[in-house]
């Protein structure tokens, strides 16, 4: 996974793309709410039905999860495992900064 470094703190960016017609996107919003509690993770839910939204070329289905510019899931991942994977990635990055 790609990352951004802010001084000694690593910040990752998760964009979750949804639409109003997507019934599975309710789960995506719940995942976003839980992900916002993870330190070092910035989460944005992008509703493609809102005026002025542009669809990135890598987004062709909803929900789509994009972490630091890379698609990490088309459709909803298993919530607990996905959030644990992000926490582990952030933790590993913090340990690398200490060295």
PDB file of N, CA and C in Angstrom:
ATOM      1  N   UNK A   1       0.835  -1.186   0.000  1.00  0.00           N
ATOM      2  CA  UNK A   1       0.000   0.000   0.000  1.00  0.00           C
ATOM      3  C   UNK A   1       0.877   1.245   0.000  1.00  0.00           C
ATOM      4  N   UNK A   2       0.411   2.250  -0.678  1.00  0.00           N
ATOM      5  CA  UNK A   2       1.141   3.503  -0.708  1.00  0.00           C
ATOM      6  C   UNK A   2       0.852   4.288   0.548  1.00  0.00           C
ATOM      7  N   UNK A   3       1.718   5.251   0.871  1.00  0.00           N
ATOM      8  CA  UNK A   3       1.470   6.046   2.061  1.00  0.00           C
ATOM      9  C   UNK A   3       2.023   7.436   1.896  1.00  0.00           C
ATOM     10  N   UNK A   4       1.555   8.317   2.751  1.00  0.00           N
ATOM     11  CA  UNK A   4       2.049   9.681   2.824  1.00  0.00           C
ATOM     12  C   UNK A   4       2.709   9.848   4.179  1.00  0.00           C
ATOM     13  N   UNK A   5       3.785  10.571   4.219  1.00  0.00           N
ATOM     14  CA  UNK A   5       4.458  10.797   5.492  1.00  0.00           C
ATOM     15  C   UNK A   5       4.297  12.256   5.875  1.00  0.00           C
ATOM     16  N   UNK A   6       3.820  12.494   7.073  1.00  0.00           N
ATOM     17  CA  UNK A   6       3.731  13.835   7.634  1.00  0.00           C
ATOM     18  C   UNK A   6       4.657  13.867   8.828  1.00  0.00           C
ATOM     19  N   UNK A   7       5.883  14.323   8.624  1.00  0.00           N
ATOM     20  CA  UNK A   7       6.830  14.299   9.716  1.00  0.00           C
ATOM     21  C   UNK A   7       7.057  12.859  10.126  1.00  0.00           C
ATOM     22  N   UNK A   8       6.750  12.548  11.388  1.00  0.00           N
ATOM     23  CA  UNK A   8       6.927  11.184  11.876  1.00  0.00           C
ATOM     24  C   UNK A   8       5.633  10.395  11.822  1.00  0.00           C
ATOM     25  N   UNK A   9       4.535  11.040  11.487  1.00  0.00           N
ATOM     26  CA  UNK A   9       3.243  10.370  11.479  1.00  0.00           C
ATOM     27  C   UNK A   9       2.837  10.008  10.064  1.00  0.00           C
ATOM     28  N   UNK A  10       2.386   8.792   9.919  1.00  0.00           N
ATOM     29  CA  UNK A  10       1.935   8.308   8.625  1.00  0.00           C
ATOM     30  C   UNK A  10       0.433   8.533   8.527  1.00  0.00           C
ATOM     31  N   UNK A  11       0.002   9.105   7.435  1.00  0.00           N
ATOM     32  CA  UNK A  11      -1.422   9.305   7.189  1.00  0.00           C
ATOM     33  C   UNK A  11      -1.785   8.583   5.911  1.00  0.00           C
ATOM     34  N   UNK A  12      -2.841   7.772   6.004  1.00  0.00           N
ATOM     35  CA  UNK A  12      -3.356   7.091   4.831  1.00  0.00           C
ATOM     36  C   UNK A  12      -4.711   7.701   4.495  1.00  0.00           C
ATOM     37  N   UNK A  13      -5.081   7.638   3.226  1.00  0.00           N
ATOM     38  CA  UNK A  13      -6.325   8.229   2.755  1.00  0.00           C
ATOM     39  C   UNK A  13      -7.193   7.139   2.134  1.00  0.00           C
ATOM     40  N   UNK A  14      -8.391   6.988   2.683  1.00  0.00           N
ATOM     41  CA  UNK A  14      -9.353   6.016   2.171  1.00  0.00           C
ATOM     42  C   UNK A  14     -10.530   6.768   1.579  1.00  0.00           C
ATOM     43  N   UNK A  15     -10.746   6.574   0.287  1.00  0.00           N
ATOM     44  CA  UNK A  15     -11.912   7.133  -0.395  1.00  0.00           C
ATOM     45  C   UNK A  15     -12.843   5.978  -0.712  1.00  0.00           C
ATOM     46  N   UNK A  16     -14.119   6.121  -0.329  1.00  0.00           N
ATOM     47  CA  UNK A  16     -15.115   5.104  -0.608  1.00  0.00           C
ATOM     48  C   UNK A  16     -16.153   5.720  -1.534  1.00  0.00           C
ATOM     49  N   UNK A  17     -16.284   5.153  -2.722  1.00  0.00           N
ATOM     50  CA  UNK A  17     -17.197   5.677  -3.741  1.00  0.00           C
ATOM     51  C   UNK A  17     -18.513   4.913  -3.674  1.00  0.00           C
ATOM     52  N   UNK A  18     -19.610   5.682  -3.589  1.00  0.00           N
ATOM     53  CA  UNK A  18     -20.949   5.106  -3.486  1.00  0.00           C
ATOM     54  C   UNK A  18     -21.893   5.821  -4.451  1.00  0.00           C
ATOM     55  N   UNK A  19     -23.108   5.266  -4.606  1.00  0.00           N
ATOM     56  CA  UNK A  19     -24.194   5.940  -5.309  1.00  0.00           C
ATOM     57  C   UNK A  19     -25.473   5.745  -4.504  1.00  0.00           C
ATOM     58  N   UNK A  20     -26.477   6.560  -4.782  1.00  0.00           N
ATOM     59  CA  UNK A  20     -27.752   6.449  -4.074  1.00  0.00           C
ATOM     60  C   UNK A  20     -28.482   5.144  -4.400  1.00  0.00           C
ATOM     61  N   UNK A  21     -28.325   4.632  -5.612  1.00  0.00           N
ATOM     62  CA  UNK A  21     -29.042   3.432  -6.035  1.00  0.00           C
ATOM     63  C   UNK A  21     -28.403   2.139  -5.530  1.00  0.00           C
ATOM     64  N   UNK A  22     -27.226   2.217  -5.010  1.00  0.00           N
ATOM     65  CA  UNK A  22     -26.458   1.044  -4.584  1.00  0.00           C
ATOM     66  C   UNK A  22     -26.942   0.569  -3.216  1.00  0.00           C
ATOM     67  N   UNK A  23     -27.585  -0.592  -3.182  1.00  0.00           N
ATOM     68  CA  UNK A  23     -28.081  -1.110  -1.893  1.00  0.00           C
ATOM     69  C   UNK A  23     -26.943  -1.565  -0.989  1.00  0.00           C
ATOM     70  N   UNK A  24     -25.837  -2.022  -1.557  1.00  0.00           N
ATOM     71  CA  UNK A  24     -24.687  -2.439  -0.752  1.00  0.00           C
ATOM     72  C   UNK A  24     -23.904  -1.266  -0.181  1.00  0.00           C
ATOM     73  N   UNK A  25     -24.202  -0.075  -0.652  1.00  0.00           N
ATOM     74  CA  UNK A  25     -23.451   1.094  -0.196  1.00  0.00           C
ATOM     75  C   UNK A  25     -23.795   1.494   1.234  1.00  0.00           C
ATOM     76  N   UNK A  26     -24.898   1.016   1.759  1.00  0.00           N
ATOM     77  CA  UNK A  26     -25.197   1.280   3.179  1.00  0.00           C
ATOM     78  C   UNK A  26     -24.108   0.685   4.058  1.00  0.00           C
ATOM     79  N   UNK A  27     -23.682  -0.520   3.723  1.00  0.00           N
ATOM     80  CA  UNK A  27     -22.587  -1.162   4.456  1.00  0.00           C
ATOM     81  C   UNK A  27     -21.307  -0.360   4.292  1.00  0.00           C
ATOM     82  N   UNK A  28     -21.071   0.189   3.110  1.00  0.00           N
ATOM     83  CA  UNK A  28     -19.878   1.000   2.872  1.00  0.00           C
ATOM     84  C   UNK A  28     -19.854   2.220   3.793  1.00  0.00           C
ATOM     85  N   UNK A  29     -21.014   2.834   4.005  1.00  0.00           N
ATOM     86  CA  UNK A  29     -21.100   3.992   4.902  1.00  0.00           C
ATOM     87  C   UNK A  29     -20.812   3.559   6.342  1.00  0.00           C
ATOM     88  N   UNK A  30     -21.285   2.386   6.745  1.00  0.00           N
ATOM     89  CA  UNK A  30     -20.989   1.875   8.089  1.00  0.00           C
ATOM     90  C   UNK A  30     -19.495   1.600   8.251  1.00  0.00           C
ATOM     91  N   UNK A  31     -18.892   1.025   7.220  1.00  0.00           N
ATOM     92  CA  UNK A  31     -17.444   0.791   7.277  1.00  0.00           C
ATOM     93  C   UNK A  31     -16.704   2.118   7.388  1.00  0.00           C
ATOM     94  N   UNK A  32     -17.140   3.117   6.640  1.00  0.00           N
ATOM     95  CA  UNK A  32     -16.507   4.446   6.701  1.00  0.00           C
ATOM     96  C   UNK A  32     -16.608   5.029   8.105  1.00  0.00           C
ATOM     97  N   UNK A  33     -17.777   4.915   8.717  1.00  0.00           N
ATOM     98  CA  UNK A  33     -17.958   5.443  10.073  1.00  0.00           C
ATOM     99  C   UNK A  33     -16.993   4.792  11.050  1.00  0.00           C
ATOM    100  N   UNK A  34     -16.824   3.481  10.948  1.00  0.00           N
ATOM    101  CA  UNK A  34     -15.899   2.796  11.846  1.00  0.00           C
ATOM    102  C   UNK A  34     -14.450   3.124  11.506  1.00  0.00           C
ATOM    103  N   UNK A  35     -14.143   3.249  10.229  1.00  0.00           N
ATOM    104  CA  UNK A  35     -12.777   3.548   9.811  1.00  0.00           C
ATOM    105  C   UNK A  35     -12.327   4.927  10.279  1.00  0.00           C
ATOM    106  N   UNK A  36     -13.264   5.845  10.423  1.00  0.00           N
ATOM    107  CA  UNK A  36     -12.907   7.209  10.873  1.00  0.00           C
ATOM    108  C   UNK A  36     -12.326   7.219  12.281  1.00  0.00           C
ATOM    109  N   UNK A  37     -12.532   6.158  13.038  1.00  0.00           N
ATOM    110  CA  UNK A  37     -11.987   6.096  14.399  1.00  0.00           C
ATOM    111  C   UNK A  37     -10.531   5.627  14.418  1.00  0.00           C
ATOM    112  N   UNK A  38      -9.986   5.272  13.267  1.00  0.00           N
ATOM    113  CA  UNK A  38      -8.607   4.777  13.192  1.00  0.00           C
ATOM    114  C   UNK A  38      -7.666   5.972  13.077  1.00  0.00           C
ATOM    115  N   UNK A  39      -6.771   6.090  14.050  1.00  0.00           N
ATOM    116  CA  UNK A  39      -5.796   7.184  14.036  1.00  0.00           C
ATOM    117  C   UNK A  39      -4.883   7.048  12.825  1.00  0.00           C
ATOM    118  N   UNK A  40      -4.658   8.150  12.142  1.00  0.00           N
ATOM    119  CA  UNK A  40      -3.776   8.147  10.977  1.00  0.00           C
ATOM    120  C   UNK A  40      -4.476   7.821   9.674  1.00  0.00           C
ATOM    121  N   UNK A  41      -5.811   7.697   9.713  1.00  0.00           N
ATOM    122  CA  UNK A  41      -6.567   7.386   8.508  1.00  0.00           C
ATOM    123  C   UNK A  41      -7.573   8.496   8.251  1.00  0.00           C
ATOM    124  N   UNK A  42      -7.493   9.084   7.075  1.00  0.00           N
ATOM    125  CA  UNK A  42      -8.475  10.072   6.650  1.00  0.00           C
ATOM    126  C   UNK A  42      -9.456   9.360   5.725  1.00  0.00           C
ATOM    127  N   UNK A  43     -10.749   9.475   6.020  1.00  0.00           N
ATOM    128  CA  UNK A  43     -11.775   8.763   5.266  1.00  0.00           C
ATOM    129  C   UNK A  43     -12.710   9.760   4.595  1.00  0.00           C
ATOM    130  N   UNK A  44     -12.970   9.545   3.315  1.00  0.00           N
ATOM    131  CA  UNK A  44     -13.914  10.357   2.566  1.00  0.00           C
ATOM    132  C   UNK A  44     -14.899   9.437   1.863  1.00  0.00           C
ATOM    133  N   UNK A  45     -16.182   9.687   2.060  1.00  0.00           N
ATOM    134  CA  UNK A  45     -17.211   8.979   1.307  1.00  0.00           C
ATOM    135  C   UNK A  45     -17.619   9.893   0.159  1.00  0.00           C
ATOM    136  N   UNK A  46     -17.495   9.397  -1.062  1.00  0.00           N
ATOM    137  CA  UNK A  46     -17.794  10.184  -2.254  1.00  0.00           C
ATOM    138  C   UNK A  46     -19.059   9.616  -2.886  1.00  0.00           C
ATOM    139  N   UNK A  47     -20.138  10.390  -2.831  1.00  0.00           N
ATOM    140  CA  UNK A  47     -21.382   9.982  -3.461  1.00  0.00           C
ATOM    141  C   UNK A  47     -21.357  10.481  -4.904  1.00  0.00           C
ATOM    142  N   UNK A  48     -21.236   9.561  -5.827  1.00  0.00           N
ATOM    143  CA  UNK A  48     -21.104   9.925  -7.238  1.00  0.00           C
ATOM    144  C   UNK A  48     -22.378  10.516  -7.826  1.00  0.00           C
ATOM    145  N   UNK A  49     -23.491  10.432  -7.093  1.00  0.00           N
ATOM    146  CA  UNK A  49     -24.744  11.025  -7.565  1.00  0.00           C
ATOM    147  C   UNK A  49     -24.856  12.509  -7.205  1.00  0.00           C
ATOM    148  N   UNK A  50     -23.952  13.013  -6.372  1.00  0.00           N
ATOM    149  CA  UNK A  50     -23.990  14.433  -6.020  1.00  0.00           C
ATOM    150  C   UNK A  50     -23.464  15.255  -7.190  1.00  0.00           C
ATOM    151  N   UNK A  51     -24.070  16.414  -7.424  1.00  0.00           N
ATOM    152  CA  UNK A  51     -23.640  17.262  -8.552  1.00  0.00           C
ATOM    153  C   UNK A  51     -22.150  17.603  -8.469  1.00  0.00           C
ATOM    154  N   UNK A  52     -21.508  17.571  -9.611  1.00  0.00           N
ATOM    155  CA  UNK A  52     -20.112  17.976  -9.697  1.00  0.00           C
ATOM    156  C   UNK A  52     -19.103  16.885  -9.394  1.00  0.00           C
ATOM    157  N   UNK A  53     -19.545  15.702  -9.011  1.00  0.00           N
ATOM    158  CA  UNK A  53     -18.604  14.622  -8.721  1.00  0.00           C
ATOM    159  C   UNK A  53     -18.063  14.038 -10.009  1.00  0.00           C
ATOM    160  N   UNK A  54     -16.761  13.826 -10.033  1.00  0.00           N
ATOM    161  CA  UNK A  54     -16.123  13.184 -11.177  1.00  0.00           C
ATOM    162  C   UNK A  54     -15.820  11.739 -10.807  1.00  0.00           C
ATOM    163  N   UNK A  55     -15.998  10.864 -11.765  1.00  0.00           N
ATOM    164  CA  UNK A  55     -15.727   9.446 -11.538  1.00  0.00           C
ATOM    165  C   UNK A  55     -14.282   9.161 -11.970  1.00  0.00           C
ATOM    166  N   UNK A  56     -13.433   8.774 -11.006  1.00  0.00           N
ATOM    167  CA  UNK A  56     -12.058   8.428 -11.375  1.00  0.00           C
ATOM    168  C   UNK A  56     -12.049   7.218 -12.312  1.00  0.00           C
ATOM    169  N   UNK A  57     -11.057   7.108 -13.177  1.00  0.00           N
ATOM    170  CA  UNK A  57     -11.043   6.013 -14.144  1.00  0.00           C
ATOM    171  C   UNK A  57     -11.033   4.621 -13.509  1.00  0.00           C
ATOM    172  N   UNK A  58     -10.476   4.490 -12.315  1.00  0.00           N
ATOM    173  CA  UNK A  58     -10.406   3.173 -11.685  1.00  0.00           C
ATOM    174  C   UNK A  58     -11.709   2.777 -10.987  1.00  0.00           C
ATOM    175  N   UNK A  59     -12.686   3.682 -10.957  1.00  0.00           N
ATOM    176  CA  UNK A  59     -13.968   3.397 -10.300  1.00  0.00           C
ATOM    177  C   UNK A  59     -15.010   3.099 -11.367  1.00  0.00           C
ATOM    178  N   UNK A  60     -15.427   1.843 -11.442  1.00  0.00           N
ATOM    179  CA  UNK A  60     -16.436   1.456 -12.423  1.00  0.00           C
ATOM    180  C   UNK A  60     -17.580   0.682 -11.792  1.00  0.00           C
ATOM    181  N   UNK A  61     -17.574   0.563 -10.475  1.00  0.00           N
ATOM    182  CA  UNK A  61     -18.645  -0.100  -9.740  1.00  0.00           C
ATOM    183  C   UNK A  61     -18.714   0.533  -8.360  1.00  0.00           C
ATOM    184  N   UNK A  62     -19.845   0.364  -7.698  1.00  0.00           N
ATOM    185  CA  UNK A  62     -19.945   0.865  -6.323  1.00  0.00           C
ATOM    186  C   UNK A  62     -20.450  -0.247  -5.426  1.00  0.00           C
ATOM    187  N   UNK A  63     -19.968  -0.261  -4.204  1.00  0.00           N
ATOM    188  CA  UNK A  63     -18.936   0.625  -3.663  1.00  0.00           C
ATOM    189  C   UNK A  63     -17.540   0.216  -4.135  1.00  0.00           C
ATOM    190  N   UNK A  64     -16.667   1.201  -4.215  1.00  0.00           N
ATOM    191  CA  UNK A  64     -15.258   0.977  -4.513  1.00  0.00           C
ATOM    192  C   UNK A  64     -14.443   1.661  -3.424  1.00  0.00           C
ATOM    193  N   UNK A  65     -13.457   0.941  -2.916  1.00  0.00           N
ATOM    194  CA  UNK A  65     -12.584   1.434  -1.852  1.00  0.00           C
ATOM    195  C   UNK A  65     -11.215   1.722  -2.451  1.00  0.00           C
ATOM    196  N   UNK A  66     -10.758   2.968  -2.299  1.00  0.00           N
ATOM    197  CA  UNK A  66      -9.472   3.386  -2.842  1.00  0.00           C
ATOM    198  C   UNK A  66      -8.616   3.879  -1.676  1.00  0.00           C
ATOM    199  N   UNK A  67      -7.529   3.176  -1.436  1.00  0.00           N
ATOM    200  CA  UNK A  67      -6.620   3.520  -0.330  1.00  0.00           C
ATOM    201  C   UNK A  67      -5.337   4.069  -0.912  1.00  0.00           C
ATOM    202  N   UNK A  68      -5.044   5.307  -0.598  1.00  0.00           N
ATOM    203  CA  UNK A  68      -3.858   5.991  -1.110  1.00  0.00           C
ATOM    204  C   UNK A  68      -3.732   5.848  -2.627  1.00  0.00           C
ATOM    205  N   UNK A  69      -4.870   5.992  -3.321  1.00  0.00           N
ATOM    206  CA  UNK A  69      -4.863   5.992  -4.773  1.00  0.00           C
ATOM    207  C   UNK A  69      -4.978   4.632  -5.427  1.00  0.00           C
ATOM    208  N   UNK A  70      -4.962   3.558  -4.649  1.00  0.00           N
ATOM    209  CA  UNK A  70      -5.058   2.215  -5.203  1.00  0.00           C
ATOM    210  C   UNK A  70      -6.386   1.575  -4.830  1.00  0.00           C
ATOM    211  N   UNK A  71      -7.044   0.948  -5.793  1.00  0.00           N
ATOM    212  CA  UNK A  71      -8.281   0.226  -5.500  1.00  0.00           C
ATOM    213  C   UNK A  71      -7.914  -0.977  -4.635  1.00  0.00           C
ATOM    214  N   UNK A  72      -8.515  -1.056  -3.445  1.00  0.00           N
ATOM    215  CA  UNK A  72      -8.263  -2.174  -2.543  1.00  0.00           C
ATOM    216  C   UNK A  72      -9.470  -3.084  -2.425  1.00  0.00           C
ATOM    217  N   UNK A  73     -10.635  -2.621  -2.893  1.00  0.00           N
ATOM    218  CA  UNK A  73     -11.814  -3.481  -2.875  1.00  0.00           C
ATOM    219  C   UNK A  73     -12.873  -2.951  -3.826  1.00  0.00           C
ATOM    220  N   UNK A  74     -13.356  -3.838  -4.690  1.00  0.00           N
ATOM    221  CA  UNK A  74     -14.551  -3.574  -5.488  1.00  0.00           C
ATOM    222  C   UNK A  74     -15.668  -4.304  -4.770  1.00  0.00           C
ATOM    223  N   UNK A  75     -16.627  -3.578  -4.276  1.00  0.00           N
ATOM    224  CA  UNK A  75     -17.630  -4.179  -3.410  1.00  0.00           C
ATOM    225  C   UNK A  75     -17.140  -4.098  -1.971  1.00  0.00           C
ATOM    226  N   UNK A  76     -18.011  -4.488  -1.064  1.00  0.00           N
ATOM    227  CA  UNK A  76     -17.660  -4.368   0.352  1.00  0.00           C
ATOM    228  C   UNK A  76     -16.750  -5.502   0.803  1.00  0.00           C
ATOM    229  N   UNK A  77     -15.648  -5.143   1.446  1.00  0.00           N
ATOM    230  CA  UNK A  77     -14.811  -6.165   2.067  1.00  0.00           C
ATOM    231  C   UNK A  77     -15.458  -6.626   3.368  1.00  0.00           C
ATOM    232  N   UNK A  78     -14.962  -7.693   3.935  1.00  0.00           N
ATOM    233  CA  UNK A  78     -15.430  -8.110   5.262  1.00  0.00           C
ATOM    234  C   UNK A  78     -14.954  -7.035   6.237  1.00  0.00           C
ATOM    235  N   UNK A  79     -15.901  -6.429   6.933  1.00  0.00           N
ATOM    236  CA  UNK A  79     -15.638  -5.224   7.723  1.00  0.00           C
ATOM    237  C   UNK A  79     -14.487  -5.384   8.721  1.00  0.00           C
ATOM    238  N   UNK A  80     -14.574  -6.379   9.583  1.00  0.00           N
ATOM    239  CA  UNK A  80     -13.561  -6.540  10.633  1.00  0.00           C
ATOM    240  C   UNK A  80     -12.170  -6.782  10.084  1.00  0.00           C
ATOM    241  N   UNK A  81     -12.067  -7.654   9.103  1.00  0.00           N
ATOM    242  CA  UNK A  81     -10.760  -7.970   8.522  1.00  0.00           C
ATOM    243  C   UNK A  81     -10.172  -6.762   7.797  1.00  0.00           C
ATOM    244  N   UNK A  82     -11.009  -6.026   7.092  1.00  0.00           N
ATOM    245  CA  UNK A  82     -10.542  -4.850   6.358  1.00  0.00           C
ATOM    246  C   UNK A  82      -9.999  -3.785   7.302  1.00  0.00           C
ATOM    247  N   UNK A  83     -10.754  -3.479   8.351  1.00  0.00           N
ATOM    248  CA  UNK A  83     -10.310  -2.469   9.309  1.00  0.00           C
ATOM    249  C   UNK A  83      -9.054  -2.927  10.043  1.00  0.00           C
ATOM    250  N   UNK A  84      -8.963  -4.210  10.356  1.00  0.00           N
ATOM    251  CA  UNK A  84      -7.763  -4.749  11.016  1.00  0.00           C
ATOM    252  C   UNK A  84      -6.546  -4.620  10.093  1.00  0.00           C
ATOM    253  N   UNK A  85      -6.748  -4.856   8.796  1.00  0.00           N
ATOM    254  CA  UNK A  85      -5.641  -4.749   7.837  1.00  0.00           C
ATOM    255  C   UNK A  85      -5.132  -3.311   7.756  1.00  0.00           C
ATOM    256  N   UNK A  86      -6.047  -2.351   7.780  1.00  0.00           N
ATOM    257  CA  UNK A  86      -5.631  -0.942   7.737  1.00  0.00           C
ATOM    258  C   UNK A  86      -4.885  -0.575   9.015  1.00  0.00           C
ATOM    259  N   UNK A  87      -5.407  -1.005  10.170  1.00  0.00           N
ATOM    260  CA  UNK A  87      -4.709  -0.728  11.439  1.00  0.00           C
ATOM    261  C   UNK A  87      -3.302  -1.318  11.434  1.00  0.00           C
ATOM    262  N   UNK A  88      -3.173  -2.533  10.935  1.00  0.00           N
ATOM    263  CA  UNK A  88      -1.860  -3.189  10.886  1.00  0.00           C
ATOM    264  C   UNK A  88      -0.911  -2.437   9.974  1.00  0.00           C
ATOM    265  N   UNK A  89      -1.404  -1.990   8.834  1.00  0.00           N
ATOM    266  CA  UNK A  89      -0.569  -1.242   7.888  1.00  0.00           C
ATOM    267  C   UNK A  89      -0.093   0.070   8.519  1.00  0.00           C
ATOM    268  N   UNK A  90      -0.987   0.762   9.198  1.00  0.00           N
ATOM    269  CA  UNK A  90      -0.603   2.012   9.862  1.00  0.00           C
ATOM    270  C   UNK A  90       0.388   1.747  10.991  1.00  0.00           C
ATOM    271  N   UNK A  91       0.184   0.682  11.736  1.00  0.00           N
ATOM    272  CA  UNK A  91       1.079   0.330  12.833  1.00  0.00           C
ATOM    273  C   UNK A  91       2.467  -0.005  12.302  1.00  0.00           C
ATOM    274  N   UNK A  92       2.510  -0.758  11.223  1.00  0.00           N
ATOM    275  CA  UNK A  92       3.794  -1.121  10.629  1.00  0.00           C
ATOM    276  C   UNK A  92       4.532   0.120  10.157  1.00  0.00           C
ATOM    277  N   UNK A  93       3.792   1.065   9.585  1.00  0.00           N
ATOM    278  CA  UNK A  93       4.412   2.312   9.135  1.00  0.00           C
ATOM    279  C   UNK A  93       4.970   3.128  10.282  1.00  0.00           C
ATOM    280  N   UNK A  94       4.262   3.136  11.423  1.00  0.00           N
ATOM    281  CA  UNK A  94       4.734   3.861  12.603  1.00  0.00           C
ATOM    282  C   UNK A  94       6.010   3.245  13.137  1.00  0.00           C
ATOM    283  N   UNK A  95       6.090   1.918  13.140  1.00  0.00           N
ATOM    284  CA  UNK A  95       7.291   1.241  13.613  1.00  0.00           C
ATOM    285  C   UNK A  95       8.474   1.555  12.709  1.00  0.00           C
ATOM    286  N   UNK A  96       8.232   1.632  11.396  1.00  0.00           N
ATOM    287  CA  UNK A  96       9.311   1.959  10.468  1.00  0.00           C
ATOM    288  C   UNK A  96       9.829   3.373  10.709  1.00  0.00           C
ATOM    289  N   UNK A  97       8.951   4.293  11.100  1.00  0.00           N
ATOM    290  CA  UNK A  97       9.359   5.672  11.363  1.00  0.00           C
ATOM    291  C   UNK A  97      10.229   5.777  12.604  1.00  0.00           C
ATOM    292  N   UNK A  98      10.036   4.889  13.557  1.00  0.00           N
ATOM    293  CA  UNK A  98      10.808   4.928  14.805  1.00  0.00           C
ATOM    294  C   UNK A  98      12.241   4.504  14.559  1.00  0.00           C
ATOM    295  N   UNK A  99      12.452   3.594  13.611  1.00  0.00           N
ATOM    296  CA  UNK A  99      13.799   3.080  13.334  1.00  0.00           C
ATOM    297  C   UNK A  99      14.697   4.093  12.712  1.00  0.00           C
TER     298      UNK A  99
END
